[in-house]
Amino acid sequence: MERLTHLTPTGEATMVDVSEKPETLRIAVAQGRIRMKSETFRLIRQGQMKKGDVLGTARIAGIMAAKQTPRLIPLCHPIPISKISVDFILSAEQATITALSEVKNRGATGVEMEALVAVTTSLLTIYDMGKAVDRGMVIEDIHLVKKSGGKSGTYVSRG
């Protein structure tokens, strides 16, 4: 069994040393979904929420949060990021909004955590801006869809 990279041999938490790793292009895609009442979905889609442009605000919140990942996640490396995008897929049939984030950099460590933080924060922003009309919204299925670059190569989610 491989040992966890964020633990010393005696079990203490530590930041992984990436100083000897080669810099490669690294890309991570994450997604998650929020379910809501049909009326809440309609208000968001039509831009009629009292708090304003929900999806525009959620997009900016996700991008801003990704840049703050090392401040939020202990032992996460501060890294230069070349690209962060947050997009939304709306399903009126299911009254869901899926957030998708893609993060890129050229570096010695990956950008999976940044992509996951972007998606999570985007969905939390949608919840925050819509909770006045729908406290029963459910955030679900946040996961890494794909990552590429680095020694471990490409990973694609089976789900």
C-alpha atoms as a PDB file:
ATOM      1  CA  MET A   1       0.000   0.000   0.000  1.00  0.00           C
ATOM      2  CA  GLU A   2       1.319   3.453  -0.916  1.00  0.00           C
ATOM      3  CA  ARG A   3       1.693   5.931   1.893  1.00  0.00           C
ATOM      4  CA  LEU A   4      -0.213   9.182   1.800  1.00  0.00           C
ATOM      5  CA  THR A   5       1.931  11.985   0.384  1.00  0.00           C
ATOM      6  CA  HIS A   6       0.734  14.602   2.883  1.00  0.00           C
ATOM      7  CA  LEU A   7       1.941  12.608   5.892  1.00  0.00           C
ATOM      8  CA  THR A   8       5.453  12.086   7.177  1.00  0.00           C
ATOM      9  CA  PRO A   9       6.548   8.501   7.961  1.00  0.00           C
ATOM     10  CA  THR A  10       5.566   9.181  11.584  1.00  0.00           C
ATOM     11  CA  GLY A  11       2.100  10.460  10.663  1.00  0.00           C
ATOM     12  CA  GLU A  12       2.454  14.248  10.876  1.00  0.00           C
ATOM     13  CA  ALA A  13       0.829  16.429   8.226  1.00  0.00           C
ATOM     14  CA  THR A  14       3.290  18.019   5.803  1.00  0.00           C
ATOM     15  CA  MET A  15       3.302  19.935   2.544  1.00  0.00           C
ATOM     16  CA  VAL A  16       4.554  17.768  -0.316  1.00  0.00           C
ATOM     17  CA  ASP A  17       7.920  18.847  -1.734  1.00  0.00           C
ATOM     18  CA  VAL A  18       7.403  19.468  -5.453  1.00  0.00           C
ATOM     19  CA  SER A  19      10.717  21.231  -6.057  1.00  0.00           C
ATOM     20  CA  GLU A  20      12.174  18.325  -8.069  1.00  0.00           C
ATOM     21  CA  LYS A  21       9.064  17.669 -10.179  1.00  0.00           C
ATOM     22  CA  PRO A  22       9.136  18.807 -13.806  1.00  0.00           C
ATOM     23  CA  GLU A  23       6.793  21.574 -14.903  1.00  0.00           C
ATOM     24  CA  THR A  24       4.117  20.337 -17.310  1.00  0.00           C
ATOM     25  CA  LEU A  25       0.836  21.663 -18.636  1.00  0.00           C
ATOM     26  CA  ARG A  26      -1.802  20.649 -16.122  1.00  0.00           C
ATOM     27  CA  ILE A  27      -5.532  20.804 -16.700  1.00  0.00           C
ATOM     28  CA  ALA A  28      -8.358  19.871 -14.343  1.00  0.00           C
ATOM     29  CA  VAL A  29     -12.102  19.834 -14.945  1.00  0.00           C
ATOM     30  CA  ALA A  30     -14.592  19.525 -12.084  1.00  0.00           C
ATOM     31  CA  GLN A  31     -18.354  19.667 -11.909  1.00  0.00           C
ATOM     32  CA  GLY A  32     -21.231  19.672  -9.456  1.00  0.00           C
ATOM     33  CA  ARG A  33     -24.954  20.267  -9.494  1.00  0.00           C
ATOM     34  CA  ILE A  34     -27.645  22.104  -7.553  1.00  0.00           C
ATOM     35  CA  ARG A  35     -31.273  20.967  -7.533  1.00  0.00           C
ATOM     36  CA  MET A  36     -34.094  23.399  -6.820  1.00  0.00           C
ATOM     37  CA  LYS A  37     -37.796  24.044  -7.230  1.00  0.00           C
ATOM     38  CA  SER A  38     -38.939  24.707 -10.791  1.00  0.00           C
ATOM     39  CA  GLU A  39     -39.982  28.240  -9.839  1.00  0.00           C
ATOM     40  CA  THR A  40     -36.530  28.994  -8.408  1.00  0.00           C
ATOM     41  CA  PHE A  41     -34.940  27.674 -11.581  1.00  0.00           C
ATOM     42  CA  ARG A  42     -37.204  29.878 -13.706  1.00  0.00           C
ATOM     43  CA  LEU A  43     -36.355  32.994 -11.678  1.00  0.00           C
ATOM     44  CA  ILE A  44     -32.624  32.333 -11.994  1.00  0.00           C
ATOM     45  CA  ARG A  45     -32.806  31.550 -15.722  1.00  0.00           C
ATOM     46  CA  GLN A  46     -34.863  34.660 -16.441  1.00  0.00           C
ATOM     47  CA  GLY A  47     -32.644  36.905 -14.296  1.00  0.00           C
ATOM     48  CA  GLN A  48     -35.472  37.804 -11.931  1.00  0.00           C
ATOM     49  CA  MET A  49     -33.915  37.022  -8.561  1.00  0.00           C
ATOM     50  CA  LYS A  50     -33.982  39.988  -6.181  1.00  0.00           C
ATOM     51  CA  LYS A  51     -30.260  39.684  -5.504  1.00  0.00           C
ATOM     52  CA  GLY A  52     -29.396  40.148  -9.184  1.00  0.00           C
ATOM     53  CA  ASP A  53     -27.543  38.116 -11.800  1.00  0.00           C
ATOM     54  CA  VAL A  54     -27.150  34.779 -10.026  1.00  0.00           C
ATOM     55  CA  LEU A  55     -25.117  32.947 -12.667  1.00  0.00           C
ATOM     56  CA  GLY A  56     -22.842  35.895 -13.426  1.00  0.00           C
ATOM     57  CA  THR A  57     -22.153  36.355  -9.727  1.00  0.00           C
ATOM     58  CA  ALA A  58     -21.614  32.607  -9.225  1.00  0.00           C
ATOM     59  CA  ARG A  59     -19.132  32.534 -12.125  1.00  0.00           C
ATOM     60  CA  ILE A  60     -17.061  35.380 -10.649  1.00  0.00           C
ATOM     61  CA  ALA A  61     -17.248  33.840  -7.156  1.00  0.00           C
ATOM     62  CA  GLY A  62     -15.929  30.521  -8.486  1.00  0.00           C
ATOM     63  CA  ILE A  63     -13.056  32.152 -10.332  1.00  0.00           C
ATOM     64  CA  MET A  64     -12.122  34.257  -7.307  1.00  0.00           C
ATOM     65  CA  ALA A  65     -12.319  31.253  -4.967  1.00  0.00           C
ATOM     66  CA  ALA A  66     -10.076  29.094  -7.174  1.00  0.00           C
ATOM     67  CA  LYS A  67      -7.353  31.737  -6.840  1.00  0.00           C
ATOM     68  CA  GLN A  68      -7.680  31.503  -3.032  1.00  0.00           C
ATOM     69  CA  THR A  69      -7.450  27.706  -2.792  1.00  0.00           C
ATOM     70  CA  PRO A  70      -4.145  27.628  -0.835  1.00  0.00           C
ATOM     71  CA  ARG A  71      -5.734  29.907   1.783  1.00  0.00           C
ATOM     72  CA  LEU A  72      -8.681  27.519   2.169  1.00  0.00           C
ATOM     73  CA  ILE A  73      -7.134  24.042   1.905  1.00  0.00           C
ATOM     74  CA  PRO A  74      -4.278  23.284   4.323  1.00  0.00           C
ATOM     75  CA  LEU A  75      -1.020  22.193   2.672  1.00  0.00           C
ATOM     76  CA  CYS A  76      -2.213  23.179  -0.820  1.00  0.00           C
ATOM     77  CA  HIS A  77       0.546  24.833  -2.860  1.00  0.00           C
ATOM     78  CA  PRO A  78       0.131  28.429  -4.017  1.00  0.00           C
ATOM     79  CA  ILE A  79       0.533  28.163  -7.778  1.00  0.00           C
ATOM     80  CA  PRO A  80       0.310  30.434 -10.798  1.00  0.00           C
ATOM     81  CA  ILE A  81      -2.902  29.786 -12.702  1.00  0.00           C
ATOM     82  CA  SER A  82      -3.116  30.407 -16.451  1.00  0.00           C
ATOM     83  CA  LYS A  83      -6.862  29.903 -16.873  1.00  0.00           C
ATOM     84  CA  ILE A  84      -9.990  29.468 -14.786  1.00  0.00           C
ATOM     85  CA  SER A  85     -13.400  29.122 -16.371  1.00  0.00           C
ATOM     86  CA  VAL A  86     -16.777  28.427 -14.801  1.00  0.00           C
ATOM     87  CA  ASP A  87     -19.707  27.528 -17.026  1.00  0.00           C
ATOM     88  CA  PHE A  88     -23.249  26.397 -16.334  1.00  0.00           C
ATOM     89  CA  ILE A  89     -25.541  23.814 -17.891  1.00  0.00           C
ATOM     90  CA  LEU A  90     -29.183  24.502 -17.138  1.00  0.00           C
ATOM     91  CA  SER A  91     -31.803  21.742 -17.197  1.00  0.00           C
ATOM     92  CA  ALA A  92     -35.359  23.063 -16.934  1.00  0.00           C
ATOM     93  CA  GLU A  93     -36.676  19.494 -17.062  1.00  0.00           C
ATOM     94  CA  GLN A  94     -34.823  18.560 -13.866  1.00  0.00           C
ATOM     95  CA  ALA A  95     -34.667  22.082 -12.373  1.00  0.00           C
ATOM     96  CA  THR A  96     -30.889  21.728 -11.979  1.00  0.00           C
ATOM     97  CA  ILE A  97     -27.875  23.847 -12.702  1.00  0.00           C
ATOM     98  CA  THR A  98     -24.594  22.042 -13.289  1.00  0.00           C
ATOM     99  CA  ALA A  99     -21.423  24.047 -12.713  1.00  0.00           C
ATOM    100  CA  LEU A 100     -18.336  23.082 -14.721  1.00  0.00           C
ATOM    101  CA  SER A 101     -14.899  24.493 -14.032  1.00  0.00           C
ATOM    102  CA  GLU A 102     -11.679  24.139 -16.007  1.00  0.00           C
ATOM    103  CA  VAL A 103      -8.372  25.262 -14.539  1.00  0.00           C
ATOM    104  CA  LYS A 104      -4.986  25.276 -16.298  1.00  0.00           C
ATOM    105  CA  ASN A 105      -1.414  25.993 -15.330  1.00  0.00           C
ATOM    106  CA  ARG A 106       2.114  25.060 -16.243  1.00  0.00           C
ATOM    107  CA  GLY A 107       3.741  23.893 -13.082  1.00  0.00           C
ATOM    108  CA  ALA A 108       5.044  21.152 -10.822  1.00  0.00           C
ATOM    109  CA  THR A 109       1.722  20.373  -9.152  1.00  0.00           C
ATOM    110  CA  GLY A 110      -1.822  19.934 -10.370  1.00  0.00           C
ATOM    111  CA  VAL A 111      -4.887  22.169 -10.320  1.00  0.00           C
ATOM    112  CA  GLU A 112      -7.547  19.671  -9.232  1.00  0.00           C
ATOM    113  CA  MET A 113      -8.230  21.419  -5.931  1.00  0.00           C
ATOM    114  CA  GLU A 114      -8.635  24.772  -7.663  1.00  0.00           C
ATOM    115  CA  ALA A 115     -11.223  23.323 -10.070  1.00  0.00           C
ATOM    116  CA  LEU A 116     -13.137  21.680  -7.213  1.00  0.00           C
ATOM    117  CA  VAL A 117     -13.078  24.884  -5.144  1.00  0.00           C
ATOM    118  CA  ALA A 118     -14.360  26.882  -8.139  1.00  0.00           C
ATOM    119  CA  VAL A 119     -17.317  24.531  -8.661  1.00  0.00           C
ATOM    120  CA  THR A 120     -18.173  24.324  -4.972  1.00  0.00           C
ATOM    121  CA  THR A 121     -18.078  28.084  -4.474  1.00  0.00           C
ATOM    122  CA  SER A 122     -20.149  28.699  -7.602  1.00  0.00           C
ATOM    123  CA  LEU A 123     -22.835  26.347  -6.331  1.00  0.00           C
ATOM    124  CA  LEU A 124     -22.743  27.857  -2.844  1.00  0.00           C
ATOM    125  CA  THR A 125     -23.227  31.295  -4.406  1.00  0.00           C
ATOM    126  CA  ILE A 126     -26.283  30.075  -6.317  1.00  0.00           C
ATOM    127  CA  TYR A 127     -27.640  28.679  -3.046  1.00  0.00           C
ATOM    128  CA  ASP A 128     -26.934  31.913  -1.190  1.00  0.00           C
ATOM    129  CA  MET A 129     -28.612  34.080  -3.805  1.00  0.00           C
ATOM    130  CA  GLY A 130     -31.640  31.793  -4.071  1.00  0.00           C
ATOM    131  CA  LYS A 131     -32.218  30.713  -0.482  1.00  0.00           C
ATOM    132  CA  ALA A 132     -34.752  33.481   0.146  1.00  0.00           C
ATOM    133  CA  VAL A 133     -37.163  31.680  -2.204  1.00  0.00           C
ATOM    134  CA  ASP A 134     -35.937  28.073  -1.858  1.00  0.00           C
ATOM    135  CA  ARG A 135     -34.146  26.854   1.264  1.00  0.00           C
ATOM    136  CA  GLY A 136     -34.541  23.259   0.047  1.00  0.00           C
ATOM    137  CA  MET A 137     -31.981  23.491  -2.747  1.00  0.00           C
ATOM    138  CA  VAL A 138     -29.545  20.565  -2.733  1.00  0.00           C
ATOM    139  CA  ILE A 139     -25.904  20.721  -3.815  1.00  0.00           C
ATOM    140  CA  GLU A 140     -24.727  17.319  -5.016  1.00  0.00           C
ATOM    141  CA  ASP A 141     -22.291  15.253  -7.041  1.00  0.00           C
ATOM    142  CA  ILE A 142     -19.245  17.518  -6.830  1.00  0.00           C
ATOM    143  CA  HIS A 143     -16.363  15.620  -8.382  1.00  0.00           C
ATOM    144  CA  LEU A 144     -13.251  15.729 -10.524  1.00  0.00           C
ATOM    145  CA  VAL A 145     -14.237  14.932 -14.117  1.00  0.00           C
ATOM    146  CA  LYS A 146     -10.784  14.879 -15.684  1.00  0.00           C
ATOM    147  CA  LYS A 147      -7.210  15.858 -15.036  1.00  0.00           C
ATOM    148  CA  SER A 148      -4.131  15.731 -17.202  1.00  0.00           C
ATOM    149  CA  GLY A 149      -0.451  16.476 -16.861  1.00  0.00           C
ATOM    150  CA  GLY A 150       2.246  15.435 -14.478  1.00  0.00           C
ATOM    151  CA  LYS A 151       3.738  12.044 -13.674  1.00  0.00           C
ATOM    152  CA  SER A 152       0.391  10.312 -13.164  1.00  0.00           C
ATOM    153  CA  GLY A 153      -0.865  11.350 -16.615  1.00  0.00           C
ATOM    154  CA  THR A 154      -4.531  11.598 -17.497  1.00  0.00           C
ATOM    155  CA  TYR A 155      -7.420  10.660 -15.221  1.00  0.00           C
ATOM    156  CA  VAL A 156     -11.027  10.536 -16.421  1.00  0.00           C
ATOM    157  CA  SER A 157     -13.881   9.922 -14.003  1.00  0.00           C
ATOM    158  CA  ARG A 158     -15.876   6.760 -14.543  1.00  0.00           C
ATOM    159  CA  GLY A 159     -19.036   8.422 -13.221  1.00  0.00           C
END
